[in-house]
Protein backbone atom coordinates (compact mmCIF):
# COMPACT_ATOMS: atom_id res chain seq x y z
CA UNK A 1 4.66 24.92 -11.02
CA UNK A 2 3.88 21.65 -12.92
CA UNK A 3 1.55 22.70 -15.74
CA UNK A 4 -1.77 20.91 -16.17
CA UNK A 5 -0.32 19.54 -19.43
CA UNK A 6 2.72 18.21 -17.84
CA UNK A 7 0.50 16.62 -14.77
CA UNK A 8 -1.32 14.96 -17.17
CA UNK A 9 1.32 13.60 -19.12
CA UNK A 10 3.11 12.31 -16.16
CA UNK A 11 0.36 10.67 -15.08
CA UNK A 12 -0.30 8.74 -18.36
CA UNK A 13 3.51 7.78 -18.64
CA UNK A 14 3.71 6.17 -15.37
CA UNK A 15 -0.03 4.78 -15.21
CA UNK A 16 0.90 2.96 -18.72
CA UNK A 17 4.17 1.59 -17.12
CA UNK A 18 1.83 0.21 -14.40
CA UNK A 19 -1.06 -1.39 -16.55
CA UNK A 20 1.84 -3.00 -18.69
CA UNK A 21 3.14 -4.66 -15.40
CA UNK A 22 0.04 -5.11 -13.81
CA UNK A 23 -1.14 -7.32 -16.73
CA UNK A 24 2.31 -9.33 -16.84
CA UNK A 25 2.09 -9.68 -12.87
CA UNK A 26 -1.87 -10.61 -13.15
CA UNK A 27 -1.45 -13.51 -15.54
CA UNK A 28 1.65 -14.58 -13.41
CA UNK A 29 -0.41 -14.71 -10.25
CA UNK A 30 -3.41 -16.50 -11.97
CA UNK A 31 -1.11 -19.10 -13.73
CA UNK A 32 0.38 -19.81 -10.21
CA UNK A 33 -3.12 -20.08 -8.38
CA UNK A 34 -4.56 -23.80 -8.13
CA UNK A 35 -7.87 -24.29 -10.22
CA UNK A 36 -9.07 -27.18 -8.92
CA UNK A 37 -11.60 -28.53 -6.14
CA UNK A 38 -12.92 -27.23 -3.95
CA UNK A 39 -13.46 -24.46 -6.61
CA UNK A 40 -16.55 -22.53 -4.99
CA UNK A 41 -15.03 -22.35 -1.70
CA UNK A 42 -11.67 -21.75 -2.36
CA UNK A 43 -10.05 -21.97 -5.18
CA UNK A 44 -12.63 -19.25 -7.07
CA UNK A 45 -12.10 -16.93 -4.30
CA UNK A 46 -8.30 -17.06 -4.25
CA UNK A 47 -8.57 -15.73 -7.62
CA UNK A 48 -11.09 -12.89 -7.67
CA UNK A 49 -8.43 -10.17 -6.09
CA UNK A 50 -5.73 -11.13 -8.39
CA UNK A 51 -8.03 -11.01 -11.45
CA UNK A 52 -8.66 -7.46 -10.76
CA UNK A 53 -6.75 -4.54 -11.93
CA UNK A 54 -4.96 -2.78 -8.97
CA UNK A 55 -2.15 -0.05 -8.84
CA UNK A 56 0.80 -2.76 -9.36
CA UNK A 57 2.93 -0.23 -7.64
CA UNK A 58 4.99 -3.08 -5.52
CA UNK A 59 5.78 -5.27 -8.37
CA UNK A 60 6.86 -2.17 -10.65
CA UNK A 61 9.11 -1.04 -7.67
CA UNK A 62 10.94 -4.42 -7.73
CA UNK A 63 11.39 -4.74 -11.33
CA UNK A 64 12.44 -1.48 -11.96
CA UNK A 65 14.82 -0.94 -8.99
CA UNK A 66 16.24 -4.47 -9.80
CA UNK A 67 16.90 -3.89 -13.50
CA UNK A 68 18.11 -0.40 -12.60
CA UNK A 69 20.77 -2.29 -10.44
CA UNK A 70 21.50 -4.72 -13.19
CA UNK A 71 19.13 -7.86 -12.79
CA UNK A 72 17.46 -9.22 -15.73
CA UNK A 73 13.64 -9.82 -15.84
CA UNK A 74 13.60 -13.43 -15.29
CA UNK A 75 15.40 -13.25 -12.28
CA UNK A 76 12.85 -10.96 -10.90
CA UNK A 77 9.25 -11.61 -12.31
CA UNK A 78 8.74 -14.35 -9.78
CA UNK A 79 9.80 -12.40 -6.71
CA UNK A 80 7.59 -9.30 -7.75
CA UNK A 81 4.55 -12.20 -8.35
CA UNK A 82 5.21 -13.16 -4.81
CA UNK A 83 4.99 -9.71 -3.32
CA UNK A 84 1.88 -8.85 -5.07
CA UNK A 85 0.23 -12.24 -4.07
CA UNK A 86 1.21 -11.50 -0.41
CA UNK A 87 -0.42 -8.20 -1.16
CA UNK A 88 -3.82 -9.40 -2.06
CA UNK A 89 -3.82 -11.83 1.00
CA UNK A 90 -3.32 -8.80 3.13
CA UNK A 91 -5.96 -7.30 1.42
CA UNK A 92 -8.32 -9.83 1.98
CA UNK A 93 -7.49 -9.99 5.65
CA UNK A 94 -7.37 -6.04 6.13
CA UNK A 95 -11.02 -5.99 4.12
CA UNK A 96 -12.44 -8.44 6.76
CA UNK A 97 -10.75 -6.90 9.72
CA UNK A 98 -12.30 -3.38 8.58
CA UNK A 99 -15.71 -4.37 7.57
CA UNK A 100 -15.07 -3.13 4.15
CA UNK A 101 -17.60 -3.26 1.52
CA UNK A 102 -15.41 -2.37 -2.03
CA UNK A 103 -12.22 -3.47 -3.43
CA UNK A 104 -11.10 -2.27 -6.35
CA UNK A 105 -14.36 -1.32 -7.61
CA UNK A 106 -16.40 -4.53 -6.78
CA UNK A 107 -17.61 -6.08 -3.36
CA UNK A 108 -14.93 -7.61 -1.33
CA UNK A 109 -14.78 -11.31 -0.70
CA UNK A 110 -16.15 -10.89 2.46
CA UNK A 111 -19.25 -9.42 1.38
CA UNK A 112 -19.57 -11.81 -1.71
CA UNK A 113 -18.77 -15.21 0.11
CA UNK A 114 -18.79 -14.59 3.88
CA UNK A 115 -15.98 -13.93 6.24
CA UNK A 116 -15.01 -17.52 6.52
CA UNK A 117 -14.55 -18.25 2.89
CA UNK A 118 -12.85 -14.88 2.70
CA UNK A 119 -9.95 -15.88 5.22
CA UNK A 120 -9.52 -19.42 3.67
CA UNK A 121 -8.47 -17.50 0.37
CA UNK A 122 -6.39 -14.98 2.05
CA UNK A 123 -4.75 -17.63 3.64
CA UNK A 124 -4.34 -19.78 0.45
CA UNK A 125 -2.84 -16.69 -1.50
CA UNK A 126 -0.17 -16.51 1.39
CA UNK A 127 0.73 -20.07 1.24
CA UNK A 128 1.08 -19.51 -2.58
CA UNK A 129 3.09 -16.44 -2.28
CA UNK A 130 5.69 -18.44 -0.53
CA UNK A 131 5.82 -21.32 -3.25
CA UNK A 132 6.25 -18.72 -5.99
CA UNK A 133 9.00 -17.09 -3.79
CA UNK A 134 10.55 -20.39 -3.12
CA UNK A 135 10.58 -21.19 -7.09
CA UNK A 136 11.59 -17.77 -8.12
CA UNK A 137 14.77 -18.21 -5.87
CA UNK A 138 15.99 -21.51 -7.23
CA UNK A 139 17.83 -19.30 -9.68
CA UNK A 140 19.67 -17.30 -7.57
CA UNK A 141 22.93 -18.39 -5.31
CA UNK A 142 22.29 -19.53 -1.86
CA UNK A 143 23.44 -16.68 0.02
CA UNK A 144 21.34 -14.27 -2.04
CA UNK A 145 18.13 -16.30 -1.96
CA UNK A 146 18.67 -16.64 1.74
CA UNK A 147 18.99 -12.85 1.62
CA UNK A 148 15.59 -12.54 -0.46
CA UNK A 149 13.65 -14.86 2.10
CA UNK A 150 15.08 -12.85 4.81
CA UNK A 151 13.61 -9.48 3.36
CA UNK A 152 10.41 -11.33 2.65
CA UNK A 153 9.71 -12.60 6.34
CA UNK A 154 10.96 -9.15 7.77
CA UNK A 155 8.41 -7.49 5.43
CA UNK A 156 5.72 -9.64 6.57
CA UNK A 157 6.26 -9.09 10.25
CA UNK A 158 6.63 -5.72 9.92
CA UNK A 159 3.24 -5.28 8.31
CA UNK A 160 1.47 -7.45 11.01
CA UNK A 161 3.13 -5.26 13.39
CA UNK A 162 1.25 -2.25 11.95
CA UNK A 163 -1.85 -3.87 11.20
CA UNK A 164 -1.83 -5.01 14.96
CA UNK A 165 -1.19 -1.70 16.29
CA UNK A 166 -3.76 0.15 14.34
CA UNK A 167 -6.41 -2.71 15.58
CA UNK A 168 -5.20 -2.01 18.94
CA UNK A 169 -5.65 1.95 18.82
CA UNK A 170 -9.14 1.02 18.10
CA UNK A 171 -9.78 -1.88 20.59
CA UNK A 172 -8.40 0.26 23.32
CA UNK A 173 -10.06 3.50 22.38
CA UNK A 174 -6.41 5.23 22.00
CA UNK A 175 -7.12 8.88 20.87
CA UNK A 176 -3.83 10.71 22.32
CA UNK A 177 -1.99 10.56 19.09
CA UNK A 178 -0.08 12.69 16.62
CA UNK A 179 1.87 12.78 13.34
CA UNK A 180 4.99 11.08 14.61
CA UNK A 181 2.50 8.14 16.05
CA UNK A 182 0.93 7.82 12.60
CA UNK A 183 4.05 8.01 10.73
CA UNK A 184 5.35 5.09 12.90
CA UNK A 185 2.51 3.33 12.34
CA UNK A 186 2.33 3.49 8.38
CA UNK A 187 6.27 3.07 8.58
CA UNK A 188 5.40 -0.61 9.42
CA UNK A 189 1.62 -0.96 8.34
CA UNK A 190 2.31 0.38 5.01
CA UNK A 191 5.59 1.32 3.66
CA UNK A 192 7.75 -1.86 4.80
CA UNK A 193 5.51 -3.87 2.13
CA UNK A 194 4.54 -1.22 -0.37
CA UNK A 195 7.60 0.71 -0.91
CA UNK A 196 10.77 -0.46 1.07
CA UNK A 197 10.48 -4.30 0.63
CA UNK A 198 10.23 -4.09 -3.37
CA UNK A 199 13.00 -1.57 -3.75
CA UNK A 200 15.58 -3.41 -1.38
CA UNK A 201 14.74 -6.90 -2.71
CA UNK A 202 14.86 -5.67 -6.21
CA UNK A 203 17.95 -3.86 -5.77
CA UNK A 204 19.44 -6.82 -3.71
CA UNK A 205 19.12 -9.30 -6.55
CA UNK A 206 20.29 -6.68 -9.34
CA UNK A 207 23.34 -5.88 -7.22
CA UNK A 208 23.79 -9.59 -5.95
CA UNK A 209 23.77 -8.52 -2.63
CA UNK A 210 26.09 -5.32 -2.54
CA UNK A 211 23.65 -2.49 -2.48
CA UNK A 212 23.48 0.03 0.25
CA UNK A 213 20.14 -0.75 1.90
CA UNK A 214 19.97 2.45 4.58
CA UNK A 215 19.78 5.26 1.71
CA UNK A 216 16.67 2.94 0.10
CA UNK A 217 14.91 2.54 3.44
CA UNK A 218 15.00 6.39 4.00
CA UNK A 219 13.81 6.66 0.41
CA UNK A 220 11.44 4.12 0.34
CA UNK A 221 10.01 5.32 3.99
CA UNK A 222 9.44 8.85 2.74
CA UNK A 223 7.77 8.09 -0.42
CA UNK A 224 5.50 5.45 1.11
CA UNK A 225 4.59 7.96 3.62
CA UNK A 226 3.51 10.09 1.24
CA UNK A 227 1.86 7.67 -0.98
CA UNK A 228 -0.12 6.33 2.05
CA UNK A 229 -1.20 10.03 2.95
CA UNK A 230 -2.25 10.55 -0.24
CA UNK A 231 -4.48 7.42 -0.23
CA UNK A 232 -6.13 8.82 2.89
CA UNK A 233 -6.90 12.19 1.40
CA UNK A 234 -8.27 10.17 -1.24
CA UNK A 235 -10.58 8.35 0.81
CA UNK A 236 -11.85 11.50 1.91
CA UNK A 237 -11.94 13.64 -1.33
CA UNK A 238 -11.81 10.85 -4.17
CA UNK A 239 -14.51 9.79 -6.59
CA UNK A 240 -15.36 5.94 -5.80
CA UNK A 241 -15.66 4.83 -9.05
CA UNK A 242 -11.88 5.91 -9.92
CA UNK A 243 -10.79 5.27 -6.33
CA UNK A 244 -12.22 1.65 -6.24
CA UNK A 245 -12.75 1.79 -2.65
CA UNK A 246 -15.62 2.74 -0.67
CA UNK A 247 -15.14 6.94 0.01
CA UNK A 248 -15.47 8.01 3.61
CA UNK A 249 -14.88 4.36 4.59
CA UNK A 250 -11.87 5.31 6.65
CA UNK A 251 -14.02 7.55 8.53
CA UNK A 252 -16.53 4.85 8.91
CA UNK A 253 -14.12 2.52 10.27
CA UNK A 254 -12.57 5.01 12.64
CA UNK A 255 -9.02 4.64 11.38
CA UNK A 256 -6.65 6.93 12.97
CA UNK A 257 -5.24 8.47 9.78
CA UNK A 258 -3.40 12.04 9.79
CA UNK A 259 -6.33 14.02 8.98
CA UNK A 260 -8.32 12.51 11.84
CA UNK A 261 -5.44 12.80 14.31
CA UNK A 262 -4.78 16.87 13.28
CA UNK A 263 -8.59 17.28 13.89
CA UNK A 264 -8.55 15.70 17.41
CA UNK A 265 -5.59 17.96 18.45
CA UNK A 266 -7.28 21.21 16.99
CA UNK A 267 -11.10 21.12 17.65
CA UNK A 268 -12.37 23.13 20.64
CA UNK A 269 -15.00 22.48 22.97
CA UNK A 270 -18.07 20.57 21.98
CA UNK A 271 -16.46 19.60 18.84
CA UNK A 272 -13.48 18.30 20.25
CA UNK A 273 -15.68 16.18 22.73
CA UNK A 274 -17.81 14.86 19.71
CA UNK A 275 -14.48 13.42 18.08
CA UNK A 276 -13.39 11.94 21.40
CA UNK A 277 -16.92 10.24 21.50
CA UNK A 278 -16.84 9.67 17.70
CA UNK A 279 -13.66 7.47 17.83
CA UNK A 280 -15.03 5.37 20.53
CA UNK A 281 -17.81 4.03 18.30
CA UNK A 282 -18.32 0.66 16.89
CA UNK A 283 -18.42 1.06 12.74
CA UNK A 284 -22.24 -0.15 13.28
CA UNK A 285 -22.75 2.82 15.73
CA UNK A 286 -21.52 5.46 12.99
CA UNK A 287 -24.11 6.75 11.23
CA UNK A 288 -23.85 8.30 8.01
CA UNK A 289 -25.02 11.66 9.32
CA UNK A 290 -22.21 11.55 11.94
CA UNK A 291 -19.54 10.54 9.51
CA UNK A 292 -20.41 13.65 7.34
CA UNK A 293 -20.22 15.70 10.46
CA UNK A 294 -16.99 14.72 11.05
CA UNK A 295 -15.72 15.23 7.56
CA UNK A 296 -17.03 18.72 7.68
CA UNK A 297 -15.15 19.60 10.90
CA UNK A 298 -11.99 18.46 8.85
CA UNK A 299 -12.75 21.27 6.70
CA UNK A 300 -13.57 23.78 9.18
CA UNK A 301 -10.12 23.17 11.38
CA UNK A 302 -8.05 22.98 8.17
CA UNK A 303 -7.30 19.19 8.69
CA UNK A 304 -7.19 18.57 5.08
CA UNK A 305 -5.07 21.68 4.01
CA UNK A 306 -2.57 20.52 7.10
CA UNK A 307 -2.42 16.86 5.83
CA UNK A 308 -1.84 18.01 2.23
CA UNK A 309 1.05 20.53 3.10
CA UNK A 310 2.52 17.85 5.71
CA UNK A 311 2.45 15.09 2.67
CA UNK A 312 3.93 17.88 0.19
CA UNK A 313 6.97 17.98 2.87
CA UNK A 314 7.68 14.51 3.09
CA UNK A 315 7.65 14.18 -0.81
CA UNK A 316 10.29 16.88 -1.09
CA UNK A 317 12.59 14.84 1.55
CA UNK A 318 11.41 11.58 -0.52
CA UNK A 319 13.29 13.15 -4.00
CA UNK A 320 16.14 14.26 -2.06
CA UNK A 321 16.84 10.73 -0.75
CA UNK A 322 16.10 9.43 -4.35
CA UNK A 323 19.27 10.61 -5.62
CA UNK A 324 21.14 8.95 -2.46
CA UNK A 325 19.42 5.72 -2.83
CA UNK A 326 20.02 5.16 -6.82
CA UNK A 327 23.37 6.97 -7.02
CA UNK A 328 24.71 3.66 -7.99
CA UNK A 329 21.85 2.56 -10.29
CA UNK A 330 22.41 2.63 -14.31
CA UNK A 331 21.02 5.16 -16.14
CA UNK A 332 17.98 4.39 -18.24
CA UNK A 333 14.27 3.80 -18.76
CA UNK A 334 13.83 1.89 -14.99
CA UNK A 335 15.65 4.38 -13.44
CA UNK A 336 13.62 7.56 -14.84
CA UNK A 337 10.24 5.51 -14.12
CA UNK A 338 11.48 5.02 -10.71
CA UNK A 339 12.01 9.09 -10.55
CA UNK A 340 8.82 9.80 -12.01
CA UNK A 341 7.00 8.00 -9.47
CA UNK A 342 7.77 10.47 -6.75
CA UNK A 343 5.53 13.62 -8.59
CA UNK A 344 2.92 11.06 -9.55
CA UNK A 345 2.30 9.98 -5.98
CA UNK A 346 0.68 13.40 -5.50
CA UNK A 347 -0.64 13.88 -9.02
CA UNK A 348 -2.52 10.43 -8.75
CA UNK A 349 -6.47 10.38 -8.18
CA UNK A 350 -6.60 6.05 -7.59
């Protein structure tokens, strides 16, 4: 069992590295963004999310995997920045779709500037992500550059498929869902662009296109799934100041998270009827009292405990796949950082 001191040291070590990478990537993102007119209606909103400190997990995975397979920093930084810019574009659009009020501890773009300006800013970030990627791949040979672009396109489409599925479940009031449905959703919505793509594209650049991708997909999926499930739990258990997003926001939005799917599958009688009714409501129809009632039912029916145990099992599998995915990687600080990320997923509180 990991001691409290060991856990604190792990968190500190990983988050120090993430902060260092985050500072570098934020500077590069802001340097890449236009800063002209119309400023207050477009370019200022575009700079908001990239200016706010985030986890920087995606660029950290890309940079560390690439260097572990032999790339140098200059070959990787632009690609990592493009990934993070696309991530910020997705966040802007997610916040509009979800009606979210907080992002990284501050009001969302839609809350601050309105939906129309937020959508324009999200579109602008996606366009600049492509521009940065184009510039970054000019130093690669043509075949490898084509591979990187293909990976980027695949990542974007898988993410949109996941987003569409989640929205579709809410629009069509789909409630008969289980853990397998959830895992299929987050494979597309979260894992491709959070873990699988950054790892794959970094390793491809580092190995000059020779790395075996299958093990990276298997590791990236299990690692990403555990990361997302931990995020689902933090949304129910975390501190809003530390977490940086609206606590219980997923419940207000009616997102089909694993704890909610478990509750639906085990609730009995009037409790089951209440959960089904709750899922059919719009966000504006879900009162704070109702949301907290659903949250209490999760405790009563063991949904939080089930989700925690489920994620811990997935994380154990991720540890096994890690060794396969990085069997050909070079020993050193980058590989050790990647290895430390696996237990960090479960130790983090933001």
